[in-house]
Amino acid sequence: MQGLPVNEKCSRSLAGCDPACYKGVMLRNSLSLVLSALLLSAAFAQEVNEPVKVRPIPDVKLSPWFGGHTFKRPVQAVVPPGDDSTVYFVEQHGRVLALENAERGSEPRIFMDIRKQVHDK
């Protein structure tokens, strides 16, 4: 690579380069690509040789929460700081529902409704 001239103009753009400069840039780029491929293949070869440790999947049981209330496309549930008795549920279509004293089976109330301003389709 040392024998091939690479001028400032060719290092920024190959348009208008003389043939020797073009060969130098292409050789430099090709060598970089080959070196990168070799390094990546060596890294992946080390990972393939190691045995894969698979952990068993734990048993999971789903159960209703918050008195079995259902929400339409919920995206977030928030408990405000200092008020552990209220949980706010944000629905994707633009409603925020507040559920107070969830353990006692209360009904959720509409805290905010911006469905007309939300485009969820």
N, C-alpha and C. Protein backbone atom coordinates (compact mmCIF):
# COMPACT_ATOMS: atom_id res chain seq x y z
N MET A 1 0.81 -1.18 0.00
CA MET A 1 0.00 0.00 0.00
C MET A 1 0.86 1.26 0.00
N GLN A 2 2.04 1.14 0.46
CA GLN A 2 2.88 2.32 0.56
C GLN A 2 3.27 2.86 -0.81
N GLY A 3 3.37 1.99 -1.81
CA GLY A 3 3.80 2.43 -3.12
C GLY A 3 2.72 3.10 -3.93
N LEU A 4 1.45 2.95 -3.56
CA LEU A 4 0.36 3.54 -4.33
C LEU A 4 0.02 4.91 -3.76
N PRO A 5 -0.01 5.95 -4.59
CA PRO A 5 -0.30 7.30 -4.07
C PRO A 5 -1.80 7.46 -3.77
N VAL A 6 -2.07 8.05 -2.62
CA VAL A 6 -3.44 8.38 -2.23
C VAL A 6 -3.41 9.84 -1.83
N ASN A 7 -4.01 10.70 -2.66
CA ASN A 7 -3.97 12.12 -2.32
C ASN A 7 -5.22 12.51 -1.55
N GLU A 8 -5.26 13.73 -1.05
CA GLU A 8 -6.36 14.23 -0.22
C GLU A 8 -7.68 14.19 -0.97
N LYS A 9 -7.68 14.52 -2.24
CA LYS A 9 -8.92 14.55 -3.03
C LYS A 9 -9.52 13.15 -3.13
N CYS A 10 -8.69 12.12 -3.34
CA CYS A 10 -9.17 10.75 -3.47
C CYS A 10 -9.67 10.19 -2.16
N SER A 11 -9.11 10.61 -1.05
CA SER A 11 -9.55 10.05 0.22
C SER A 11 -10.94 10.54 0.58
N ARG A 12 -11.38 11.68 0.03
CA ARG A 12 -12.73 12.18 0.30
C ARG A 12 -13.73 11.68 -0.72
N SER A 13 -13.36 11.58 -1.97
CA SER A 13 -14.28 11.18 -3.04
C SER A 13 -13.47 10.55 -4.16
N LEU A 14 -14.01 9.49 -4.75
CA LEU A 14 -13.30 8.82 -5.84
C LEU A 14 -13.56 9.48 -7.19
N ALA A 15 -14.46 10.44 -7.25
CA ALA A 15 -14.75 11.12 -8.51
C ALA A 15 -13.54 11.96 -8.91
N GLY A 16 -13.07 11.79 -10.10
CA GLY A 16 -11.96 12.59 -10.61
C GLY A 16 -10.59 12.11 -10.18
N CYS A 17 -10.47 10.93 -9.59
CA CYS A 17 -9.16 10.41 -9.17
C CYS A 17 -8.41 9.87 -10.37
N ASP A 18 -7.10 9.93 -10.27
CA ASP A 18 -6.30 9.29 -11.30
C ASP A 18 -6.28 7.79 -11.00
N PRO A 19 -5.98 6.94 -11.98
CA PRO A 19 -6.07 5.49 -11.79
C PRO A 19 -5.21 4.95 -10.64
N ALA A 20 -4.02 5.48 -10.45
CA ALA A 20 -3.16 4.99 -9.38
C ALA A 20 -3.76 5.30 -8.02
N CYS A 21 -4.31 6.47 -7.87
CA CYS A 21 -4.93 6.86 -6.60
C CYS A 21 -6.16 6.00 -6.35
N TYR A 22 -6.96 5.76 -7.39
CA TYR A 22 -8.16 4.94 -7.28
C TYR A 22 -7.79 3.54 -6.80
N LYS A 23 -6.72 2.96 -7.36
CA LYS A 23 -6.29 1.63 -6.96
C LYS A 23 -5.86 1.63 -5.49
N GLY A 24 -5.19 2.69 -5.07
CA GLY A 24 -4.76 2.76 -3.67
C GLY A 24 -5.93 2.81 -2.70
N VAL A 25 -6.93 3.61 -3.04
CA VAL A 25 -8.10 3.72 -2.17
C VAL A 25 -8.85 2.40 -2.15
N MET A 26 -9.04 1.78 -3.30
CA MET A 26 -9.75 0.51 -3.37
C MET A 26 -9.00 -0.59 -2.63
N LEU A 27 -7.68 -0.61 -2.73
CA LEU A 27 -6.88 -1.60 -2.02
C LEU A 27 -7.00 -1.40 -0.51
N ARG A 28 -6.93 -0.14 -0.08
CA ARG A 28 -7.07 0.16 1.36
C ARG A 28 -8.44 -0.28 1.86
N ASN A 29 -9.50 0.02 1.11
CA ASN A 29 -10.85 -0.37 1.52
C ASN A 29 -11.02 -1.88 1.52
N SER A 30 -10.46 -2.55 0.53
CA SER A 30 -10.56 -4.01 0.45
C SER A 30 -9.84 -4.66 1.61
N LEU A 31 -8.65 -4.17 1.93
CA LEU A 31 -7.91 -4.73 3.06
C LEU A 31 -8.64 -4.51 4.38
N SER A 32 -9.26 -3.36 4.53
CA SER A 32 -10.03 -3.09 5.75
C SER A 32 -11.20 -4.06 5.86
N LEU A 33 -11.87 -4.30 4.76
CA LEU A 33 -13.01 -5.21 4.74
C LEU A 33 -12.58 -6.63 5.06
N VAL A 34 -11.49 -7.09 4.47
CA VAL A 34 -10.99 -8.45 4.72
C VAL A 34 -10.56 -8.59 6.17
N LEU A 35 -9.86 -7.62 6.70
CA LEU A 35 -9.42 -7.67 8.09
C LEU A 35 -10.62 -7.71 9.04
N SER A 36 -11.63 -6.89 8.77
CA SER A 36 -12.84 -6.90 9.61
C SER A 36 -13.52 -8.25 9.57
N ALA A 37 -13.62 -8.85 8.38
CA ALA A 37 -14.26 -10.16 8.24
C ALA A 37 -13.48 -11.22 9.01
N LEU A 38 -12.16 -11.18 8.96
CA LEU A 38 -11.35 -12.15 9.69
C LEU A 38 -11.52 -12.00 11.19
N LEU A 39 -11.53 -10.78 11.67
CA LEU A 39 -11.70 -10.56 13.10
C LEU A 39 -13.07 -11.02 13.57
N LEU A 40 -14.11 -10.74 12.79
CA LEU A 40 -15.45 -11.18 13.16
C LEU A 40 -15.57 -12.70 13.14
N SER A 41 -14.99 -13.33 12.13
CA SER A 41 -15.08 -14.80 12.06
C SER A 41 -14.33 -15.44 13.22
N ALA A 42 -13.22 -14.86 13.63
CA ALA A 42 -12.48 -15.39 14.78
C ALA A 42 -13.29 -15.23 16.06
N ALA A 43 -13.97 -14.10 16.21
CA ALA A 43 -14.79 -13.87 17.40
C ALA A 43 -15.95 -14.85 17.45
N PHE A 44 -16.61 -15.08 16.31
CA PHE A 44 -17.74 -16.00 16.30
C PHE A 44 -17.29 -17.45 16.44
N ALA A 45 -16.11 -17.78 15.95
CA ALA A 45 -15.61 -19.14 16.07
C ALA A 45 -15.39 -19.51 17.52
N GLN A 46 -14.94 -18.58 18.34
CA GLN A 46 -14.73 -18.86 19.75
C GLN A 46 -16.06 -19.10 20.45
N GLU A 47 -17.10 -18.35 20.10
CA GLU A 47 -18.39 -18.52 20.74
C GLU A 47 -19.04 -19.84 20.35
N VAL A 48 -18.82 -20.31 19.12
CA VAL A 48 -19.45 -21.54 18.65
C VAL A 48 -18.86 -22.75 19.37
N ASN A 49 -17.59 -22.70 19.69
CA ASN A 49 -16.94 -23.84 20.33
C ASN A 49 -17.39 -24.05 21.77
N GLU A 50 -17.89 -23.02 22.42
CA GLU A 50 -18.33 -23.16 23.80
C GLU A 50 -19.70 -23.81 23.84
N PRO A 51 -19.93 -24.73 24.79
CA PRO A 51 -21.24 -25.36 24.88
C PRO A 51 -22.30 -24.33 25.35
N VAL A 52 -23.48 -24.47 24.81
CA VAL A 52 -24.56 -23.57 25.17
C VAL A 52 -25.24 -24.10 26.42
N LYS A 53 -25.35 -23.24 27.42
CA LYS A 53 -26.01 -23.62 28.66
C LYS A 53 -27.45 -23.14 28.60
N VAL A 54 -28.37 -24.06 28.68
CA VAL A 54 -29.79 -23.73 28.60
C VAL A 54 -30.40 -23.89 29.98
N ARG A 55 -31.02 -22.81 30.44
CA ARG A 55 -31.70 -22.88 31.72
C ARG A 55 -33.14 -23.32 31.50
N PRO A 56 -33.69 -24.12 32.40
CA PRO A 56 -35.08 -24.54 32.24
C PRO A 56 -36.03 -23.35 32.41
N ILE A 57 -37.14 -23.42 31.71
CA ILE A 57 -38.15 -22.37 31.81
C ILE A 57 -38.95 -22.60 33.09
N PRO A 58 -39.06 -21.59 33.94
CA PRO A 58 -39.81 -21.78 35.19
C PRO A 58 -41.31 -21.88 34.92
N ASP A 59 -42.00 -22.54 35.82
CA ASP A 59 -43.46 -22.61 35.72
C ASP A 59 -44.04 -21.24 36.03
N VAL A 60 -44.97 -20.81 35.20
CA VAL A 60 -45.59 -19.50 35.36
C VAL A 60 -47.10 -19.69 35.41
N LYS A 61 -47.73 -19.01 36.34
CA LYS A 61 -49.18 -19.06 36.44
C LYS A 61 -49.70 -17.63 36.42
N LEU A 62 -50.62 -17.34 35.52
CA LEU A 62 -51.21 -16.03 35.43
C LEU A 62 -52.50 -16.00 36.25
N SER A 63 -52.72 -14.90 36.92
CA SER A 63 -53.94 -14.77 37.70
C SER A 63 -54.46 -13.34 37.57
N PRO A 64 -55.78 -13.15 37.71
CA PRO A 64 -56.34 -11.80 37.60
C PRO A 64 -55.76 -10.88 38.67
N TRP A 65 -55.60 -9.64 38.28
CA TRP A 65 -55.05 -8.65 39.19
C TRP A 65 -55.99 -7.45 39.23
N PHE A 66 -56.05 -6.73 40.27
CA PHE A 66 -56.92 -5.57 40.42
C PHE A 66 -58.39 -5.95 40.26
N GLY A 67 -58.77 -7.00 40.94
CA GLY A 67 -60.18 -7.37 40.96
C GLY A 67 -60.70 -7.89 39.64
N GLY A 68 -59.84 -8.29 38.74
CA GLY A 68 -60.26 -8.86 37.47
C GLY A 68 -60.72 -7.84 36.44
N HIS A 69 -60.46 -6.56 36.67
CA HIS A 69 -60.83 -5.53 35.69
C HIS A 69 -60.01 -5.71 34.42
N THR A 70 -60.62 -5.44 33.29
CA THR A 70 -59.89 -5.49 32.02
C THR A 70 -59.77 -4.09 31.46
N PHE A 71 -58.71 -3.87 30.73
CA PHE A 71 -58.43 -2.57 30.13
C PHE A 71 -58.22 -2.76 28.64
N LYS A 72 -58.58 -1.76 27.86
CA LYS A 72 -58.43 -1.84 26.41
C LYS A 72 -57.05 -1.35 26.00
N ARG A 73 -56.21 -2.26 25.55
CA ARG A 73 -54.86 -1.96 25.08
C ARG A 73 -54.07 -1.10 26.06
N PRO A 74 -53.85 -1.59 27.27
CA PRO A 74 -53.07 -0.81 28.24
C PRO A 74 -51.61 -0.71 27.83
N VAL A 75 -51.02 0.47 28.03
CA VAL A 75 -49.61 0.67 27.69
C VAL A 75 -48.75 1.02 28.90
N GLN A 76 -49.41 1.42 30.01
CA GLN A 76 -48.62 1.79 31.18
C GLN A 76 -49.52 1.76 32.42
N ALA A 77 -48.94 1.39 33.54
CA ALA A 77 -49.59 1.46 34.84
C ALA A 77 -48.65 2.25 35.75
N VAL A 78 -49.17 3.27 36.41
CA VAL A 78 -48.34 4.18 37.20
C VAL A 78 -48.92 4.34 38.59
N VAL A 79 -48.05 4.26 39.59
CA VAL A 79 -48.43 4.56 40.97
C VAL A 79 -47.72 5.85 41.33
N PRO A 80 -48.47 6.92 41.64
CA PRO A 80 -47.81 8.19 41.95
C PRO A 80 -47.06 8.13 43.27
N PRO A 81 -45.97 8.86 43.39
CA PRO A 81 -45.21 8.88 44.65
C PRO A 81 -46.07 9.43 45.79
N GLY A 82 -46.03 8.74 46.89
CA GLY A 82 -46.76 9.19 48.08
C GLY A 82 -48.21 8.76 48.13
N ASP A 83 -48.73 8.09 47.09
CA ASP A 83 -50.12 7.63 47.09
C ASP A 83 -50.16 6.20 46.59
N ASP A 84 -49.88 5.26 47.47
CA ASP A 84 -49.84 3.85 47.08
C ASP A 84 -51.22 3.24 46.90
N SER A 85 -52.27 3.98 47.20
CA SER A 85 -53.61 3.41 47.12
C SER A 85 -54.25 3.59 45.74
N THR A 86 -53.65 4.39 44.86
CA THR A 86 -54.22 4.64 43.54
C THR A 86 -53.25 4.20 42.45
N VAL A 87 -53.79 3.50 41.46
CA VAL A 87 -53.01 3.09 40.30
C VAL A 87 -53.67 3.69 39.07
N TYR A 88 -52.87 4.33 38.21
CA TYR A 88 -53.38 4.94 36.99
C TYR A 88 -52.99 4.05 35.81
N PHE A 89 -53.98 3.72 34.97
CA PHE A 89 -53.75 2.89 33.80
C PHE A 89 -53.92 3.75 32.55
N VAL A 90 -52.92 3.74 31.68
CA VAL A 90 -52.96 4.49 30.43
C VAL A 90 -53.32 3.51 29.32
N GLU A 91 -54.40 3.82 28.60
CA GLU A 91 -54.81 2.99 27.48
C GLU A 91 -54.34 3.64 26.18
N GLN A 92 -54.00 2.83 25.20
CA GLN A 92 -53.40 3.34 23.97
C GLN A 92 -54.32 4.29 23.21
N HIS A 93 -55.60 4.09 23.31
CA HIS A 93 -56.51 4.93 22.52
C HIS A 93 -56.80 6.28 23.17
N GLY A 94 -56.24 6.57 24.37
CA GLY A 94 -56.33 7.92 24.90
C GLY A 94 -57.07 8.10 26.21
N ARG A 95 -57.30 7.04 26.94
CA ARG A 95 -57.93 7.19 28.25
C ARG A 95 -56.94 6.86 29.35
N VAL A 96 -57.09 7.57 30.47
CA VAL A 96 -56.34 7.25 31.68
C VAL A 96 -57.37 6.93 32.74
N LEU A 97 -57.29 5.72 33.29
CA LEU A 97 -58.23 5.28 34.31
C LEU A 97 -57.52 5.23 35.66
N ALA A 98 -58.23 5.66 36.71
CA ALA A 98 -57.69 5.62 38.07
C ALA A 98 -58.42 4.53 38.84
N LEU A 99 -57.67 3.68 39.48
CA LEU A 99 -58.25 2.61 40.29
C LEU A 99 -57.76 2.80 41.71
N GLU A 100 -58.69 3.16 42.59
CA GLU A 100 -58.35 3.39 44.00
C GLU A 100 -58.75 2.18 44.82
N ASN A 101 -57.95 1.87 45.81
CA ASN A 101 -58.21 0.74 46.71
C ASN A 101 -58.53 -0.52 45.92
N ALA A 102 -57.62 -0.93 45.08
CA ALA A 102 -57.83 -2.07 44.19
C ALA A 102 -58.11 -3.36 44.96
N GLU A 103 -57.55 -3.47 46.15
CA GLU A 103 -57.75 -4.69 46.92
C GLU A 103 -59.19 -4.85 47.36
N ARG A 104 -59.92 -3.76 47.49
CA ARG A 104 -61.30 -3.80 47.98
C ARG A 104 -62.32 -3.95 46.86
N GLY A 105 -61.86 -4.11 45.62
CA GLY A 105 -62.77 -4.34 44.51
C GLY A 105 -63.47 -3.09 43.99
N SER A 106 -62.85 -1.92 44.08
CA SER A 106 -63.48 -0.71 43.57
C SER A 106 -63.45 -0.68 42.05
N GLU A 107 -64.31 0.10 41.46
CA GLU A 107 -64.38 0.25 40.01
C GLU A 107 -63.44 1.37 39.55
N PRO A 108 -62.80 1.20 38.40
CA PRO A 108 -61.93 2.28 37.90
C PRO A 108 -62.77 3.46 37.44
N ARG A 109 -62.24 4.67 37.64
CA ARG A 109 -62.91 5.89 37.19
C ARG A 109 -62.06 6.52 36.09
N ILE A 110 -62.72 7.24 35.19
CA ILE A 110 -62.00 7.91 34.12
C ILE A 110 -61.33 9.15 34.70
N PHE A 111 -60.02 9.16 34.64
CA PHE A 111 -59.24 10.28 35.14
C PHE A 111 -59.03 11.32 34.04
N MET A 112 -58.79 10.85 32.82
CA MET A 112 -58.58 11.74 31.68
C MET A 112 -59.02 11.01 30.41
N ASP A 113 -59.67 11.73 29.51
CA ASP A 113 -60.12 11.15 28.26
C ASP A 113 -59.75 12.09 27.11
N ILE A 114 -58.74 11.70 26.34
CA ILE A 114 -58.28 12.50 25.19
C ILE A 114 -58.37 11.70 23.91
N ARG A 115 -59.37 10.81 23.83
CA ARG A 115 -59.50 9.94 22.65
C ARG A 115 -59.66 10.73 21.35
N LYS A 116 -60.30 11.90 21.41
CA LYS A 116 -60.50 12.68 20.19
C LYS A 116 -59.18 13.24 19.66
N GLN A 117 -58.19 13.43 20.52
CA GLN A 117 -56.90 13.99 20.09
C GLN A 117 -55.88 12.90 19.75
N VAL A 118 -56.18 11.63 20.04
CA VAL A 118 -55.23 10.54 19.85
C VAL A 118 -55.59 9.79 18.58
N HIS A 119 -54.58 9.52 17.76
CA HIS A 119 -54.76 8.73 16.54
C HIS A 119 -54.01 7.42 16.77
N ASP A 120 -54.73 6.37 17.13
CA ASP A 120 -54.10 5.10 17.49
C ASP A 120 -54.22 4.03 16.43
N LYS A 121 -54.57 4.40 15.21
CA LYS A 121 -54.73 3.39 14.16
C LYS A 121 -53.56 3.38 13.23
